[in-house]
Amino acid sequence: MPPPPPLLDDSDQVNRELLEPRVTITRRGGARVSEYRIQGELYMLRVEPDGAPAYYLVDADGDGRLESHMNELDPRILVPSWVIFRF
């Protein structure tokens, strides 16, 4: 397999802009919401409700929807993710 073609501008600044997420933090309905985007595409939300643990919604399959499916039988079910343990 041939190697991928080089980037037109492979400077550290361009590589950083391509790979590092842009984070926007807002307040919505009693929660702090952090939006994570790479190249303008939203791929994850971190929601920190007031007085409750934070949870994450992730676009796991790249279809633009921040949801997970519990099983194939009911794809309408949203499954948020919580941090259970942290070092």
PDB file of N, CA and C in Angstrom:
ATOM      1  N   MET A   1       0.847  -1.162   0.000  1.00  0.00           N
ATOM      2  CA  MET A   1       0.000   0.000   0.000  1.00  0.00           C
ATOM      3  C   MET A   1       0.905   1.241   0.000  1.00  0.00           C
ATOM      4  N   PRO A   2       0.669   2.176  -0.904  1.00  0.00           N
ATOM      5  CA  PRO A   2       1.523   3.366  -0.952  1.00  0.00           C
ATOM      6  C   PRO A   2       1.213   4.298   0.213  1.00  0.00           C
ATOM      7  N   PRO A   3       2.198   5.089   0.626  1.00  0.00           N
ATOM      8  CA  PRO A   3       1.948   6.032   1.725  1.00  0.00           C
ATOM      9  C   PRO A   3       1.001   7.138   1.275  1.00  0.00           C
ATOM     10  N   PRO A   4       0.290   7.750   2.233  1.00  0.00           N
ATOM     11  CA  PRO A   4      -0.623   8.829   1.855  1.00  0.00           C
ATOM     12  C   PRO A   4       0.153  10.033   1.347  1.00  0.00           C
ATOM     13  N   PRO A   5      -0.476  10.845   0.498  1.00  0.00           N
ATOM     14  CA  PRO A   5       0.231  12.023  -0.017  1.00  0.00           C
ATOM     15  C   PRO A   5       0.474  13.015   1.116  1.00  0.00           C
ATOM     16  N   PRO A   6       1.568  13.785   1.034  1.00  0.00           N
ATOM     17  CA  PRO A   6       1.849  14.738   2.102  1.00  0.00           C
ATOM     18  C   PRO A   6       0.858  15.901   2.081  1.00  0.00           C
ATOM     19  N   LEU A   7       0.674  16.522   3.249  1.00  0.00           N
ATOM     20  CA  LEU A   7      -0.157  17.716   3.322  1.00  0.00           C
ATOM     21  C   LEU A   7       0.531  18.842   2.571  1.00  0.00           C
ATOM     22  N   LEU A   8      -0.244  19.752   2.021  1.00  0.00           N
ATOM     23  CA  LEU A   8       0.352  20.878   1.314  1.00  0.00           C
ATOM     24  C   LEU A   8       1.170  21.750   2.270  1.00  0.00           C
ATOM     25  N   ASP A   9       0.670  21.939   3.468  1.00  0.00           N
ATOM     26  CA  ASP A   9       1.376  22.706   4.482  1.00  0.00           C
ATOM     27  C   ASP A   9       1.454  21.836   5.724  1.00  0.00           C
ATOM     28  N   ASP A  10       2.630  21.287   5.992  1.00  0.00           N
ATOM     29  CA  ASP A  10       2.752  20.377   7.133  1.00  0.00           C
ATOM     30  C   ASP A  10       3.388  21.052   8.344  1.00  0.00           C
ATOM     31  N   SER A  11       3.166  22.345   8.480  1.00  0.00           N
ATOM     32  CA  SER A  11       3.694  23.056   9.642  1.00  0.00           C
ATOM     33  C   SER A  11       2.976  22.602  10.904  1.00  0.00           C
ATOM     34  N   ASP A  12       3.595  22.832  12.030  1.00  0.00           N
ATOM     35  CA  ASP A  12       3.002  22.429  13.310  1.00  0.00           C
ATOM     36  C   ASP A  12       1.664  23.118  13.545  1.00  0.00           C
ATOM     37  N   GLN A  13       1.545  24.389  13.145  1.00  0.00           N
ATOM     38  CA  GLN A  13       0.292  25.128  13.347  1.00  0.00           C
ATOM     39  C   GLN A  13      -0.852  24.489  12.559  1.00  0.00           C
ATOM     40  N   VAL A  14      -0.618  24.120  11.318  1.00  0.00           N
ATOM     41  CA  VAL A  14      -1.663  23.503  10.494  1.00  0.00           C
ATOM     42  C   VAL A  14      -2.026  22.132  11.046  1.00  0.00           C
ATOM     43  N   ASN A  15      -1.034  21.343  11.426  1.00  0.00           N
ATOM     44  CA  ASN A  15      -1.315  20.027  12.001  1.00  0.00           C
ATOM     45  C   ASN A  15      -2.112  20.150  13.288  1.00  0.00           C
ATOM     46  N   ARG A  16      -1.782  21.118  14.130  1.00  0.00           N
ATOM     47  CA  ARG A  16      -2.502  21.333  15.375  1.00  0.00           C
ATOM     48  C   ARG A  16      -3.955  21.699  15.097  1.00  0.00           C
ATOM     49  N   GLU A  17      -4.189  22.568  14.117  1.00  0.00           N
ATOM     50  CA  GLU A  17      -5.550  22.972  13.782  1.00  0.00           C
ATOM     51  C   GLU A  17      -6.363  21.799  13.231  1.00  0.00           C
ATOM     52  N   LEU A  18      -5.713  20.890  12.515  1.00  0.00           N
ATOM     53  CA  LEU A  18      -6.421  19.737  11.962  1.00  0.00           C
ATOM     54  C   LEU A  18      -6.759  18.702  13.022  1.00  0.00           C
ATOM     55  N   LEU A  19      -5.904  18.531  14.019  1.00  0.00           N
ATOM     56  CA  LEU A  19      -6.048  17.425  14.960  1.00  0.00           C
ATOM     57  C   LEU A  19      -6.608  17.815  16.322  1.00  0.00           C
ATOM     58  N   GLU A  20      -6.429  19.062  16.753  1.00  0.00           N
ATOM     59  CA  GLU A  20      -6.905  19.458  18.073  1.00  0.00           C
ATOM     60  C   GLU A  20      -8.364  19.896  18.005  1.00  0.00           C
ATOM     61  N   PRO A  21      -9.161  19.471  18.967  1.00  0.00           N
ATOM     62  CA  PRO A  21     -10.566  19.888  18.964  1.00  0.00           C
ATOM     63  C   PRO A  21     -10.714  21.353  19.360  1.00  0.00           C
ATOM     64  N   ARG A  22     -11.752  21.967  18.836  1.00  0.00           N
ATOM     65  CA  ARG A  22     -12.146  23.312  19.248  1.00  0.00           C
ATOM     66  C   ARG A  22     -13.290  23.112  20.233  1.00  0.00           C
ATOM     67  N   VAL A  23     -13.165  23.680  21.419  1.00  0.00           N
ATOM     68  CA  VAL A  23     -14.145  23.484  22.484  1.00  0.00           C
ATOM     69  C   VAL A  23     -14.899  24.785  22.715  1.00  0.00           C
ATOM     70  N   THR A  24     -16.239  24.713  22.680  1.00  0.00           N
ATOM     71  CA  THR A  24     -17.104  25.849  22.975  1.00  0.00           C
ATOM     72  C   THR A  24     -17.922  25.499  24.206  1.00  0.00           C
ATOM     73  N   ILE A  25     -17.858  26.363  25.222  1.00  0.00           N
ATOM     74  CA  ILE A  25     -18.569  26.101  26.477  1.00  0.00           C
ATOM     75  C   ILE A  25     -19.699  27.109  26.620  1.00  0.00           C
ATOM     76  N   THR A  26     -20.915  26.598  26.856  1.00  0.00           N
ATOM     77  CA  THR A  26     -22.093  27.448  27.039  1.00  0.00           C
ATOM     78  C   THR A  26     -22.894  26.934  28.231  1.00  0.00           C
ATOM     79  N   ARG A  27     -23.872  27.734  28.655  1.00  0.00           N
ATOM     80  CA  ARG A  27     -24.824  27.307  29.687  1.00  0.00           C
ATOM     81  C   ARG A  27     -26.172  27.124  29.024  1.00  0.00           C
ATOM     82  N   ARG A  28     -26.791  25.980  29.261  1.00  0.00           N
ATOM     83  CA  ARG A  28     -28.120  25.690  28.718  1.00  0.00           C
ATOM     84  C   ARG A  28     -28.965  25.036  29.794  1.00  0.00           C
ATOM     85  N   GLY A  29     -30.069  25.660  30.136  1.00  0.00           N
ATOM     86  CA  GLY A  29     -31.053  25.049  31.041  1.00  0.00           C
ATOM     87  C   GLY A  29     -30.484  24.467  32.312  1.00  0.00           C
ATOM     88  N   GLY A  30     -29.635  25.187  33.023  1.00  0.00           N
ATOM     89  CA  GLY A  30     -29.092  24.686  34.278  1.00  0.00           C
ATOM     90  C   GLY A  30     -27.940  23.716  34.123  1.00  0.00           C
ATOM     91  N   ALA A  31     -27.306  23.700  32.969  1.00  0.00           N
ATOM     92  CA  ALA A  31     -26.169  22.812  32.754  1.00  0.00           C
ATOM     93  C   ALA A  31     -25.088  23.551  31.961  1.00  0.00           C
ATOM     94  N   ARG A  32     -23.860  23.174  32.217  1.00  0.00           N
ATOM     95  CA  ARG A  32     -22.732  23.677  31.437  1.00  0.00           C
ATOM     96  C   ARG A  32     -22.475  22.659  30.334  1.00  0.00           C
ATOM     97  N   VAL A  33     -22.479  23.123  29.075  1.00  0.00           N
ATOM     98  CA  VAL A  33     -22.331  22.234  27.928  1.00  0.00           C
ATOM     99  C   VAL A  33     -21.051  22.584  27.182  1.00  0.00           C
ATOM    100  N   SER A  34     -20.189  21.589  27.002  1.00  0.00           N
ATOM    101  CA  SER A  34     -18.954  21.759  26.238  1.00  0.00           C
ATOM    102  C   SER A  34     -19.110  21.018  24.919  1.00  0.00           C
ATOM    103  N   GLU A  35     -18.988  21.758  23.805  1.00  0.00           N
ATOM    104  CA  GLU A  35     -19.072  21.164  22.466  1.00  0.00           C
ATOM    105  C   GLU A  35     -17.664  20.966  21.928  1.00  0.00           C
ATOM    106  N   TYR A  36     -17.357  19.765  21.471  1.00  0.00           N
ATOM    107  CA  TYR A  36     -16.043  19.442  20.920  1.00  0.00           C
ATOM    108  C   TYR A  36     -16.183  19.246  19.417  1.00  0.00           C
ATOM    109  N   ARG A  37     -15.382  20.005  18.650  1.00  0.00           N
ATOM    110  CA  ARG A  37     -15.423  19.932  17.192  1.00  0.00           C
ATOM    111  C   ARG A  37     -14.011  19.760  16.639  1.00  0.00           C
ATOM    112  N   ILE A  38     -13.907  18.979  15.582  1.00  0.00           N
ATOM    113  CA  ILE A  38     -12.679  18.873  14.806  1.00  0.00           C
ATOM    114  C   ILE A  38     -13.041  19.216  13.373  1.00  0.00           C
ATOM    115  N   GLN A  39     -12.325  20.166  12.803  1.00  0.00           N
ATOM    116  CA  GLN A  39     -12.576  20.672  11.450  1.00  0.00           C
ATOM    117  C   GLN A  39     -14.036  21.076  11.292  1.00  0.00           C
ATOM    118  N   GLY A  40     -14.619  21.674  12.327  1.00  0.00           N
ATOM    119  CA  GLY A  40     -15.983  22.164  12.276  1.00  0.00           C
ATOM    120  C   GLY A  40     -17.062  21.132  12.527  1.00  0.00           C
ATOM    121  N   GLU A  41     -16.720  19.868  12.631  1.00  0.00           N
ATOM    122  CA  GLU A  41     -17.702  18.803  12.828  1.00  0.00           C
ATOM    123  C   GLU A  41     -17.850  18.489  14.319  1.00  0.00           C
ATOM    124  N   LEU A  42     -19.072  18.589  14.832  1.00  0.00           N
ATOM    125  CA  LEU A  42     -19.354  18.262  16.232  1.00  0.00           C
ATOM    126  C   LEU A  42     -19.273  16.755  16.415  1.00  0.00           C
ATOM    127  N   TYR A  43     -18.412  16.305  17.356  1.00  0.00           N
ATOM    128  CA  TYR A  43     -18.285  14.865  17.580  1.00  0.00           C
ATOM    129  C   TYR A  43     -18.561  14.456  19.025  1.00  0.00           C
ATOM    130  N   MET A  44     -18.640  15.437  19.959  1.00  0.00           N
ATOM    131  CA  MET A  44     -18.893  15.063  21.334  1.00  0.00           C
ATOM    132  C   MET A  44     -19.441  16.260  22.111  1.00  0.00           C
ATOM    133  N   LEU A  45     -20.337  15.966  23.060  1.00  0.00           N
ATOM    134  CA  LEU A  45     -20.827  16.947  24.019  1.00  0.00           C
ATOM    135  C   LEU A  45     -20.513  16.445  25.416  1.00  0.00           C
ATOM    136  N   ARG A  46     -20.070  17.351  26.272  1.00  0.00           N
ATOM    137  CA  ARG A  46     -19.927  17.044  27.693  1.00  0.00           C
ATOM    138  C   ARG A  46     -20.940  17.918  28.410  1.00  0.00           C
ATOM    139  N   VAL A  47     -21.887  17.307  29.096  1.00  0.00           N
ATOM    140  CA  VAL A  47     -22.952  18.023  29.782  1.00  0.00           C
ATOM    141  C   VAL A  47     -22.717  17.888  31.276  1.00  0.00           C
ATOM    142  N   GLU A  48     -22.630  19.039  31.955  1.00  0.00           N
ATOM    143  CA  GLU A  48     -22.427  19.067  33.401  1.00  0.00           C
ATOM    144  C   GLU A  48     -23.647  19.715  34.051  1.00  0.00           C
ATOM    145  N   PRO A  49     -24.673  18.928  34.398  1.00  0.00           N
ATOM    146  CA  PRO A  49     -25.849  19.500  35.060  1.00  0.00           C
ATOM    147  C   PRO A  49     -25.485  20.026  36.442  1.00  0.00           C
ATOM    148  N   ASP A  50     -26.155  21.104  36.852  1.00  0.00           N
ATOM    149  CA  ASP A  50     -25.925  21.648  38.189  1.00  0.00           C
ATOM    150  C   ASP A  50     -26.317  20.598  39.228  1.00  0.00           C
ATOM    151  N   GLY A  51     -25.381  20.258  40.109  1.00  0.00           N
ATOM    152  CA  GLY A  51     -25.657  19.319  41.193  1.00  0.00           C
ATOM    153  C   GLY A  51     -25.712  17.865  40.777  1.00  0.00           C
ATOM    154  N   ALA A  52     -25.213  17.525  39.592  1.00  0.00           N
ATOM    155  CA  ALA A  52     -25.230  16.133  39.134  1.00  0.00           C
ATOM    156  C   ALA A  52     -23.922  15.826  38.409  1.00  0.00           C
ATOM    157  N   PRO A  53     -23.578  14.543  38.266  1.00  0.00           N
ATOM    158  CA  PRO A  53     -22.349  14.192  37.556  1.00  0.00           C
ATOM    159  C   PRO A  53     -22.434  14.540  36.075  1.00  0.00           C
ATOM    160  N   ALA A  54     -21.292  14.825  35.495  1.00  0.00           N
ATOM    161  CA  ALA A  54     -21.223  15.117  34.061  1.00  0.00           C
ATOM    162  C   ALA A  54     -21.437  13.829  33.259  1.00  0.00           C
ATOM    163  N   TYR A  55     -21.978  13.987  32.053  1.00  0.00           N
ATOM    164  CA  TYR A  55     -22.100  12.854  31.143  1.00  0.00           C
ATOM    165  C   TYR A  55     -21.731  13.312  29.738  1.00  0.00           C
ATOM    166  N   TYR A  56     -21.479  12.342  28.867  1.00  0.00           N
ATOM    167  CA  TYR A  56     -21.003  12.614  27.516  1.00  0.00           C
ATOM    168  C   TYR A  56     -21.963  12.031  26.490  1.00  0.00           C
ATOM    169  N   LEU A  57     -22.124  12.736  25.381  1.00  0.00           N
ATOM    170  CA  LEU A  57     -22.820  12.210  24.211  1.00  0.00           C
ATOM    171  C   LEU A  57     -21.809  12.244  23.067  1.00  0.00           C
ATOM    172  N   VAL A  58     -21.639  11.130  22.385  1.00  0.00           N
ATOM    173  CA  VAL A  58     -20.587  10.997  21.393  1.00  0.00           C
ATOM    174  C   VAL A  58     -21.166  10.508  20.070  1.00  0.00           C
ATOM    175  N   ASP A  59     -20.671  11.086  18.976  1.00  0.00           N
ATOM    176  CA  ASP A  59     -21.018  10.607  17.641  1.00  0.00           C
ATOM    177  C   ASP A  59     -20.068   9.457  17.320  1.00  0.00           C
ATOM    178  N   ALA A  60     -20.426   8.266  17.733  1.00  0.00           N
ATOM    179  CA  ALA A  60     -19.533   7.114  17.635  1.00  0.00           C
ATOM    180  C   ALA A  60     -19.329   6.621  16.209  1.00  0.00           C
ATOM    181  N   ASP A  61     -20.333   6.784  15.345  1.00  0.00           N
ATOM    182  CA  ASP A  61     -20.215   6.233  13.998  1.00  0.00           C
ATOM    183  C   ASP A  61     -20.051   7.304  12.918  1.00  0.00           C
ATOM    184  N   GLY A  62     -19.927   8.567  13.299  1.00  0.00           N
ATOM    185  CA  GLY A  62     -19.660   9.634  12.341  1.00  0.00           C
ATOM    186  C   GLY A  62     -20.840  10.045  11.487  1.00  0.00           C
ATOM    187  N   ASP A  63     -22.075   9.701  11.909  1.00  0.00           N
ATOM    188  CA  ASP A  63     -23.244  10.056  11.103  1.00  0.00           C
ATOM    189  C   ASP A  63     -23.804  11.437  11.450  1.00  0.00           C
ATOM    190  N   GLY A  64     -23.164  12.138  12.410  1.00  0.00           N
ATOM    191  CA  GLY A  64     -23.624  13.466  12.781  1.00  0.00           C
ATOM    192  C   GLY A  64     -24.642  13.491  13.905  1.00  0.00           C
ATOM    193  N   ARG A  65     -25.045  12.333  14.402  1.00  0.00           N
ATOM    194  CA  ARG A  65     -26.018  12.260  15.503  1.00  0.00           C
ATOM    195  C   ARG A  65     -25.296  11.839  16.775  1.00  0.00           C
ATOM    196  N   LEU A  66     -25.527  12.574  17.841  1.00  0.00           N
ATOM    197  CA  LEU A  66     -24.881  12.272  19.116  1.00  0.00           C
ATOM    198  C   LEU A  66     -25.770  11.343  19.922  1.00  0.00           C
ATOM    199  N   GLU A  67     -25.730  10.105  19.592  1.00  0.00           N
ATOM    200  CA  GLU A  67     -26.539   9.119  20.299  1.00  0.00           C
ATOM    201  C   GLU A  67     -25.911   7.752  20.150  1.00  0.00           C
ATOM    202  N   SER A  68     -26.272   6.883  21.067  1.00  0.00           N
ATOM    203  CA  SER A  68     -25.841   5.493  21.018  1.00  0.00           C
ATOM    204  C   SER A  68     -27.090   4.628  21.090  1.00  0.00           C
ATOM    205  N   HIS A  69     -27.006   3.451  20.583  1.00  0.00           N
ATOM    206  CA  HIS A  69     -28.150   2.538  20.593  1.00  0.00           C
ATOM    207  C   HIS A  69     -27.866   1.402  21.554  1.00  0.00           C
ATOM    208  N   MET A  70     -28.846   1.104  22.406  1.00  0.00           N
ATOM    209  CA  MET A  70     -28.663   0.006  23.347  1.00  0.00           C
ATOM    210  C   MET A  70     -28.632  -1.330  22.622  1.00  0.00           C
ATOM    211  N   ASN A  71     -29.474  -1.483  21.615  1.00  0.00           N
ATOM    212  CA  ASN A  71     -29.468  -2.722  20.847  1.00  0.00           C
ATOM    213  C   ASN A  71     -30.114  -2.454  19.493  1.00  0.00           C
ATOM    214  N   GLU A  72     -30.149  -3.440  18.671  1.00  0.00           N
ATOM    215  CA  GLU A  72     -30.710  -3.288  17.327  1.00  0.00           C
ATOM    216  C   GLU A  72     -32.240  -3.236  17.334  1.00  0.00           C
ATOM    217  N   LEU A  73     -32.873  -3.649  18.429  1.00  0.00           N
ATOM    218  CA  LEU A  73     -34.328  -3.718  18.450  1.00  0.00           C
ATOM    219  C   LEU A  73     -34.990  -2.345  18.563  1.00  0.00           C
ATOM    220  N   ASP A  74     -34.408  -1.428  19.321  1.00  0.00           N
ATOM    221  CA  ASP A  74     -35.006  -0.110  19.491  1.00  0.00           C
ATOM    222  C   ASP A  74     -33.949   0.975  19.283  1.00  0.00           C
ATOM    223  N   PRO A  75     -33.733   1.418  18.052  1.00  0.00           N
ATOM    224  CA  PRO A  75     -32.679   2.397  17.779  1.00  0.00           C
ATOM    225  C   PRO A  75     -33.014   3.810  18.251  1.00  0.00           C
ATOM    226  N   ARG A  76     -34.210   4.060  18.795  1.00  0.00           N
ATOM    227  CA  ARG A  76     -34.586   5.398  19.250  1.00  0.00           C
ATOM    228  C   ARG A  76     -34.079   5.711  20.648  1.00  0.00           C
ATOM    229  N   ILE A  77     -33.572   4.725  21.354  1.00  0.00           N
ATOM    230  CA  ILE A  77     -33.138   4.914  22.736  1.00  0.00           C
ATOM    231  C   ILE A  77     -31.786   5.618  22.757  1.00  0.00           C
ATOM    232  N   LEU A  78     -31.706   6.740  23.459  1.00  0.00           N
ATOM    233  CA  LEU A  78     -30.454   7.451  23.651  1.00  0.00           C
ATOM    234  C   LEU A  78     -29.777   6.947  24.910  1.00  0.00           C
ATOM    235  N   VAL A  79     -28.482   6.731  24.826  1.00  0.00           N
ATOM    236  CA  VAL A  79     -27.745   6.224  25.969  1.00  0.00           C
ATOM    237  C   VAL A  79     -26.619   7.200  26.302  1.00  0.00           C
ATOM    238  N   PRO A  80     -26.822   8.081  27.295  1.00  0.00           N
ATOM    239  CA  PRO A  80     -25.727   8.959  27.694  1.00  0.00           C
ATOM    240  C   PRO A  80     -24.675   8.174  28.460  1.00  0.00           C
ATOM    241  N   SER A  81     -23.458   8.696  28.506  1.00  0.00           N
ATOM    242  CA  SER A  81     -22.359   8.028  29.201  1.00  0.00           C
ATOM    243  C   SER A  81     -21.905   8.878  30.368  1.00  0.00           C
ATOM    244  N   TRP A  82     -21.711   8.243  31.531  1.00  0.00           N
ATOM    245  CA  TRP A  82     -21.217   8.928  32.719  1.00  0.00           C
ATOM    246  C   TRP A  82     -19.824   8.419  33.049  1.00  0.00           C
ATOM    247  N   VAL A  83     -19.026   9.266  33.688  1.00  0.00           N
ATOM    248  CA  VAL A  83     -17.724   8.831  34.189  1.00  0.00           C
ATOM    249  C   VAL A  83     -17.978   8.075  35.481  1.00  0.00           C
ATOM    250  N   ILE A  84     -17.620   6.802  35.525  1.00  0.00           N
ATOM    251  CA  ILE A  84     -17.874   5.957  36.683  1.00  0.00           C
ATOM    252  C   ILE A  84     -16.690   6.025  37.657  1.00  0.00           C
ATOM    253  N   PHE A  85     -15.489   6.009  37.125  1.00  0.00           N
ATOM    254  CA  PHE A  85     -14.306   6.006  37.970  1.00  0.00           C
ATOM    255  C   PHE A  85     -13.258   6.899  37.335  1.00  0.00           C
ATOM    256  N   ARG A  86     -12.544   7.657  38.151  1.00  0.00           N
ATOM    257  CA  ARG A  86     -11.497   8.548  37.644  1.00  0.00           C
ATOM    258  C   ARG A  86     -10.299   8.439  38.569  1.00  0.00           C
ATOM    259  N   PHE A  87      -9.082   8.379  38.001  1.00  0.00           N
ATOM    260  CA  PHE A  87      -7.852   8.299  38.799  1.00  0.00           C
ATOM    261  C   PHE A  87      -7.546   9.635  39.391  1.00  0.00           C
TER     262      PHE A  87
END
